[in-house]
Amino acid sequence: MIDIFDPADAGCWIARGRPAHHARAIADAWRCFPDLPHDAPLDVRMARTRERVQMLGPLHETIRLETEQQRRAANFAFVERQIA
């Protein structure tokens, strides 16, 4: 079986464990700023990558906040269990 990875397809990200709302945002960024061909000038390809990374900035911040919220909830649950 050949596993075709298409970063512009949210289903690929979901299949790799990303929540649907993350997967849609990542796929949108890849659709807006797909990789350029390897024979494109390096500076142009790097600029494209920077644009995609910039578009994903809000998602990265969302992921950071979600992770912190999960960490705090886990810590609270642990302390609550210890007290009980």
Protein backbone atom coordinates (compact mmCIF):
# COMPACT_ATOMS: atom_id res chain seq x y z
CA MET A 1 0.00 0.00 0.00
CA ILE A 2 1.31 3.44 -0.93
CA ASP A 3 0.67 6.17 1.61
CA ILE A 4 0.36 9.42 -0.34
CA PHE A 5 0.94 12.47 1.81
CA ASP A 6 -0.90 15.57 0.64
CA PRO A 7 -0.35 18.38 3.14
CA ALA A 8 -3.21 20.37 1.56
CA ASP A 9 -5.67 17.62 2.54
CA ALA A 10 -6.99 17.92 6.09
CA GLY A 11 -7.67 14.17 6.05
CA CYS A 12 -3.93 13.49 5.91
CA TRP A 13 -3.38 15.51 9.07
CA ILE A 14 -6.35 13.91 10.82
CA ALA A 15 -5.00 10.45 9.91
CA ARG A 16 -1.73 11.45 11.59
CA GLY A 17 -3.44 12.37 14.85
CA ARG A 18 -4.23 16.07 14.48
CA PRO A 19 -7.62 17.27 15.72
CA ALA A 20 -9.95 18.36 12.91
CA HIS A 21 -9.68 22.08 13.70
CA HIS A 22 -5.87 21.90 13.57
CA ALA A 23 -5.94 19.78 10.42
CA ARG A 24 -8.15 22.26 8.57
CA ALA A 25 -5.89 25.19 9.46
CA ILE A 26 -2.73 23.34 8.41
CA ALA A 27 -4.29 22.20 5.14
CA ASP A 28 -5.51 25.74 4.41
CA ALA A 29 -1.99 27.08 4.85
CA TRP A 30 -0.62 24.47 2.45
CA ARG A 31 -3.33 25.28 -0.11
CA CYS A 32 -2.55 29.01 0.13
CA PHE A 33 1.22 28.55 0.11
CA PRO A 34 2.13 25.21 -1.50
CA ASP A 35 5.74 24.21 -1.98
CA LEU A 36 7.28 25.52 -5.17
CA PRO A 37 9.11 23.24 -7.62
CA HIS A 38 12.67 22.32 -6.68
CA ASP A 39 13.99 24.24 -9.67
CA ALA A 40 12.46 27.51 -8.43
CA PRO A 41 15.03 29.94 -7.03
CA LEU A 42 15.96 29.19 -3.44
CA ASP A 43 15.06 32.65 -2.14
CA VAL A 44 11.59 32.37 -3.67
CA ARG A 45 11.05 28.92 -2.14
CA MET A 46 12.24 30.17 1.25
CA ALA A 47 9.91 33.17 1.03
CA ARG A 48 7.00 30.80 0.32
CA THR A 49 7.89 28.73 3.36
CA ARG A 50 8.06 31.85 5.54
CA GLU A 51 4.61 32.91 4.30
CA ARG A 52 3.19 29.52 5.21
CA VAL A 53 4.84 29.60 8.64
CA GLN A 54 3.48 33.10 9.23
CA MET A 55 -0.02 31.92 8.30
CA LEU A 56 0.33 29.04 10.79
CA GLY A 57 1.42 31.38 13.61
CA PRO A 58 -2.07 31.77 15.09
CA LEU A 59 -2.53 27.98 15.00
CA HIS A 60 0.76 27.47 16.83
CA GLU A 61 -0.38 29.93 19.50
CA THR A 62 -3.72 28.09 19.77
CA ILE A 63 -1.89 24.78 20.17
CA ARG A 64 0.34 26.32 22.86
CA LEU A 65 -2.70 27.57 24.78
CA GLU A 66 -4.54 24.25 24.44
CA THR A 67 -1.47 22.37 25.67
CA GLU A 68 -1.11 24.68 28.67
CA GLN A 69 -4.79 24.25 29.49
CA GLN A 70 -4.45 20.46 29.32
CA ARG A 71 -1.34 20.59 31.51
CA ARG A 72 -3.12 22.65 34.16
CA ALA A 73 -6.16 20.38 34.09
CA ALA A 74 -3.94 17.31 34.50
CA ASN A 75 -2.05 18.93 37.37
CA PHE A 76 -5.29 19.92 39.09
CA ALA A 77 -6.69 16.41 38.65
CA PHE A 78 -3.50 14.93 40.11
CA VAL A 79 -3.62 17.20 43.18
CA GLU A 80 -7.33 16.51 43.59
CA ARG A 81 -6.63 12.73 43.56
CA GLN A 82 -3.81 13.15 46.08
CA ILE A 83 -6.09 15.07 48.44
CA ALA A 84 -8.85 12.49 48.08
